[in-house]
Amino acid sequence: QVQLVESGGGLVQAGDSLRLSCAASGRTFSIWAVAWFRQPPGEERERVAGMNWSGGMTAYADSVEGRFTISRDNGKNTVFLQMNSLKPEDTAVYYCAVKTDANYNGYDVWGQGTQVTVSS
């Protein structure tokens, strides 16, 4: 099994930056893709950034392109989401998720989430 623990959320003002971290442990050798999702209050969960576990093939939602960057510290099995120029509409619970099952194309392991609140 893989376990994911997010950290780094908080309350910031519009225009500020935050870096979220997602520490993976357990059978990390089974991970082949990772992504950050967010779920604003009362809305659907959306994927904001993703990449292969090797660090290639990054992809971003249009709403965060150019402001958010997903990256990975290979040595520590930690994935980051650098968020710059934050806007009030970025307020959400942010989740890290990974794909570990080669026979299933969905994200099958999720972290507990971390709250990001951006005030105007």
C-alpha atoms as a PDB file:
ATOM      1  CA  GLN A   1       0.000   0.000   0.000  1.00  0.00           C
ATOM      2  CA  VAL A   2       0.938   3.624  -0.553  1.00  0.00           C
ATOM      3  CA  GLN A   3       0.217   6.382   1.933  1.00  0.00           C
ATOM      4  CA  LEU A   4       0.068  10.083   1.073  1.00  0.00           C
ATOM      5  CA  VAL A   5       0.288  12.992   3.495  1.00  0.00           C
ATOM      6  CA  GLU A   6      -0.258  16.567   2.308  1.00  0.00           C
ATOM      7  CA  SER A   7       0.943  19.680   4.083  1.00  0.00           C
ATOM      8  CA  GLY A   8       1.530  23.357   3.444  1.00  0.00           C
ATOM      9  CA  GLY A   9      -1.978  24.732   3.221  1.00  0.00           C
ATOM     10  CA  GLY A  10      -3.049  27.889   4.989  1.00  0.00           C
ATOM     11  CA  LEU A  11      -4.632  31.312   4.798  1.00  0.00           C
ATOM     12  CA  VAL A  12      -2.991  33.806   2.461  1.00  0.00           C
ATOM     13  CA  GLN A  13      -3.879  37.011   0.661  1.00  0.00           C
ATOM     14  CA  ALA A  14      -4.508  37.376  -3.048  1.00  0.00           C
ATOM     15  CA  GLY A  15      -1.209  37.594  -4.922  1.00  0.00           C
ATOM     16  CA  ASP A  16       0.693  35.538  -2.372  1.00  0.00           C
ATOM     17  CA  SER A  17       2.394  32.183  -2.929  1.00  0.00           C
ATOM     18  CA  LEU A  18       2.143  28.816  -1.201  1.00  0.00           C
ATOM     19  CA  ARG A  19       3.902  25.514  -1.683  1.00  0.00           C
ATOM     20  CA  LEU A  20       2.025  22.325  -0.945  1.00  0.00           C
ATOM     21  CA  SER A  21       3.861  19.095  -0.223  1.00  0.00           C
ATOM     22  CA  CYS A  22       2.743  15.500  -0.618  1.00  0.00           C
ATOM     23  CA  ALA A  23       4.917  12.883   1.062  1.00  0.00           C
ATOM     24  CA  ALA A  24       4.507   9.359  -0.278  1.00  0.00           C
ATOM     25  CA  SER A  25       5.460   6.286   1.740  1.00  0.00           C
ATOM     26  CA  GLY A  26       5.021   2.547   1.558  1.00  0.00           C
ATOM     27  CA  ARG A  27       5.148   0.765  -1.802  1.00  0.00           C
ATOM     28  CA  THR A  28       6.191   3.891  -3.708  1.00  0.00           C
ATOM     29  CA  PHE A  29       7.765   1.760  -6.423  1.00  0.00           C
ATOM     30  CA  SER A  30       4.212   0.994  -7.586  1.00  0.00           C
ATOM     31  CA  ILE A  31       3.398   4.657  -8.315  1.00  0.00           C
ATOM     32  CA  TRP A  32       3.335   5.621 -11.972  1.00  0.00           C
ATOM     33  CA  ALA A  33       1.507   8.964 -11.987  1.00  0.00           C
ATOM     34  CA  VAL A  34       0.658  11.722  -9.509  1.00  0.00           C
ATOM     35  CA  ALA A  35      -1.678  14.683  -9.524  1.00  0.00           C
ATOM     36  CA  TRP A  36      -3.030  17.501  -7.410  1.00  0.00           C
ATOM     37  CA  PHE A  37      -6.773  17.985  -7.246  1.00  0.00           C
ATOM     38  CA  ARG A  38      -8.845  20.626  -5.522  1.00  0.00           C
ATOM     39  CA  GLN A  39     -12.421  20.890  -4.371  1.00  0.00           C
ATOM     40  CA  PRO A  40     -13.880  24.324  -3.648  1.00  0.00           C
ATOM     41  CA  PRO A  41     -16.821  24.523  -1.226  1.00  0.00           C
ATOM     42  CA  GLY A  42     -19.977  23.153  -2.847  1.00  0.00           C
ATOM     43  CA  GLU A  43     -18.253  22.346  -6.130  1.00  0.00           C
ATOM     44  CA  GLU A  44     -16.912  19.313  -7.960  1.00  0.00           C
ATOM     45  CA  ARG A  45     -13.365  18.126  -7.474  1.00  0.00           C
ATOM     46  CA  GLU A  46     -11.066  19.108 -10.348  1.00  0.00           C
ATOM     47  CA  ARG A  47      -7.558  18.108 -11.334  1.00  0.00           C
ATOM     48  CA  VAL A  48      -5.235  21.113 -11.369  1.00  0.00           C
ATOM     49  CA  ALA A  49      -1.857  19.526 -12.153  1.00  0.00           C
ATOM     50  CA  GLY A  50      -0.444  16.112 -12.927  1.00  0.00           C
ATOM     51  CA  MET A  51       2.663  14.353 -14.113  1.00  0.00           C
ATOM     52  CA  ASN A  52       4.277  10.974 -14.529  1.00  0.00           C
ATOM     53  CA  TRP A  53       6.034   9.751 -11.401  1.00  0.00           C
ATOM     54  CA  SER A  54       9.336  10.049 -13.267  1.00  0.00           C
ATOM     55  CA  GLY A  55       8.711  13.781 -13.472  1.00  0.00           C
ATOM     56  CA  GLY A  56       7.847  14.114 -17.128  1.00  0.00           C
ATOM     57  CA  MET A  57       4.692  14.958 -19.047  1.00  0.00           C
ATOM     58  CA  THR A  58       3.266  17.634 -16.788  1.00  0.00           C
ATOM     59  CA  ALA A  59      -0.230  18.950 -17.442  1.00  0.00           C
ATOM     60  CA  TYR A  60      -2.211  21.790 -15.911  1.00  0.00           C
ATOM     61  CA  ALA A  61      -5.773  22.994 -15.796  1.00  0.00           C
ATOM     62  CA  ASP A  62      -6.340  26.176 -17.792  1.00  0.00           C
ATOM     63  CA  SER A  63      -7.283  27.994 -14.599  1.00  0.00           C
ATOM     64  CA  VAL A  64      -3.804  27.520 -13.074  1.00  0.00           C
ATOM     65  CA  GLU A  65      -1.547  27.334 -16.155  1.00  0.00           C
ATOM     66  CA  GLY A  66       1.410  29.658 -15.698  1.00  0.00           C
ATOM     67  CA  ARG A  67       0.766  30.138 -11.957  1.00  0.00           C
ATOM     68  CA  PHE A  68       1.089  26.617 -10.519  1.00  0.00           C
ATOM     69  CA  THR A  69       3.994  24.189 -10.926  1.00  0.00           C
ATOM     70  CA  ILE A  70       4.047  20.516 -10.021  1.00  0.00           C
ATOM     71  CA  SER A  71       7.402  18.929  -9.247  1.00  0.00           C
ATOM     72  CA  ARG A  72       8.950  16.033  -7.397  1.00  0.00           C
ATOM     73  CA  ASP A  73      11.915  15.507  -5.101  1.00  0.00           C
ATOM     74  CA  ASN A  74      12.947  12.054  -6.245  1.00  0.00           C
ATOM     75  CA  GLY A  75      15.155  11.350  -3.283  1.00  0.00           C
ATOM     76  CA  LYS A  76      12.376  11.988  -0.777  1.00  0.00           C
ATOM     77  CA  ASN A  77       9.349  10.685  -2.722  1.00  0.00           C
ATOM     78  CA  THR A  78       7.752  14.056  -2.158  1.00  0.00           C
ATOM     79  CA  VAL A  79       5.661  15.941  -4.686  1.00  0.00           C
ATOM     80  CA  PHE A  80       5.153  19.683  -4.547  1.00  0.00           C
ATOM     81  CA  LEU A  81       2.630  22.133  -5.900  1.00  0.00           C
ATOM     82  CA  GLN A  82       4.083  25.621  -6.090  1.00  0.00           C
ATOM     83  CA  MET A  83       1.217  28.092  -6.288  1.00  0.00           C
ATOM     84  CA  ASN A  84       1.968  31.687  -7.244  1.00  0.00           C
ATOM     85  CA  SER A  85      -0.245  34.724  -7.802  1.00  0.00           C
ATOM     86  CA  LEU A  86      -3.015  33.117  -5.791  1.00  0.00           C
ATOM     87  CA  LYS A  87      -6.574  34.277  -6.332  1.00  0.00           C
ATOM     88  CA  PRO A  88      -9.644  33.994  -4.089  1.00  0.00           C
ATOM     89  CA  GLU A  89     -11.071  31.459  -6.553  1.00  0.00           C
ATOM     90  CA  ASP A  90      -8.137  29.163  -5.727  1.00  0.00           C
ATOM     91  CA  THR A  91      -9.691  28.617  -2.300  1.00  0.00           C
ATOM     92  CA  ALA A  92     -10.307  24.895  -1.902  1.00  0.00           C
ATOM     93  CA  VAL A  93      -9.231  21.706  -0.203  1.00  0.00           C
ATOM     94  CA  TYR A  94      -6.246  20.417  -2.151  1.00  0.00           C
ATOM     95  CA  TYR A  95      -5.626  16.686  -2.491  1.00  0.00           C
ATOM     96  CA  CYS A  96      -2.659  14.706  -3.708  1.00  0.00           C
ATOM     97  CA  ALA A  97      -3.451  11.458  -5.521  1.00  0.00           C
ATOM     98  CA  VAL A  98      -1.461   8.748  -7.277  1.00  0.00           C
ATOM     99  CA  LYS A  99      -1.988   5.911  -9.702  1.00  0.00           C
ATOM    100  CA  THR A 100      -0.536   2.596  -8.569  1.00  0.00           C
ATOM    101  CA  ASP A 101      -2.569  -0.009 -10.425  1.00  0.00           C
ATOM    102  CA  ALA A 102      -1.257  -0.796 -13.898  1.00  0.00           C
ATOM    103  CA  ASN A 103      -4.668  -2.237 -14.814  1.00  0.00           C
ATOM    104  CA  TYR A 104      -6.673   0.820 -13.740  1.00  0.00           C
ATOM    105  CA  ASN A 105      -6.248   4.296 -15.204  1.00  0.00           C
ATOM    106  CA  GLY A 106      -7.744   6.133 -12.239  1.00  0.00           C
ATOM    107  CA  TYR A 107      -6.151   7.666  -9.162  1.00  0.00           C
ATOM    108  CA  ASP A 108      -6.514   4.945  -6.567  1.00  0.00           C
ATOM    109  CA  VAL A 109      -4.697   6.393  -3.548  1.00  0.00           C
ATOM    110  CA  TRP A 110      -5.584   9.784  -2.053  1.00  0.00           C
ATOM    111  CA  GLY A 111      -4.248  11.945   0.710  1.00  0.00           C
ATOM    112  CA  GLN A 112      -6.410  13.521   3.393  1.00  0.00           C
ATOM    113  CA  GLY A 113      -6.342  16.988   1.866  1.00  0.00           C
ATOM    114  CA  THR A 114      -5.059  20.367   2.976  1.00  0.00           C
ATOM    115  CA  GLN A 115      -7.084  23.581   3.097  1.00  0.00           C
ATOM    116  CA  VAL A 116      -5.983  26.606   1.083  1.00  0.00           C
ATOM    117  CA  THR A 117      -7.854  29.855   1.674  1.00  0.00           C
ATOM    118  CA  VAL A 118      -7.090  32.982  -0.333  1.00  0.00           C
ATOM    119  CA  SER A 119      -8.562  36.237   0.918  1.00  0.00           C
ATOM    120  CA  SER A 120      -9.176  39.205  -1.346  1.00  0.00           C
END
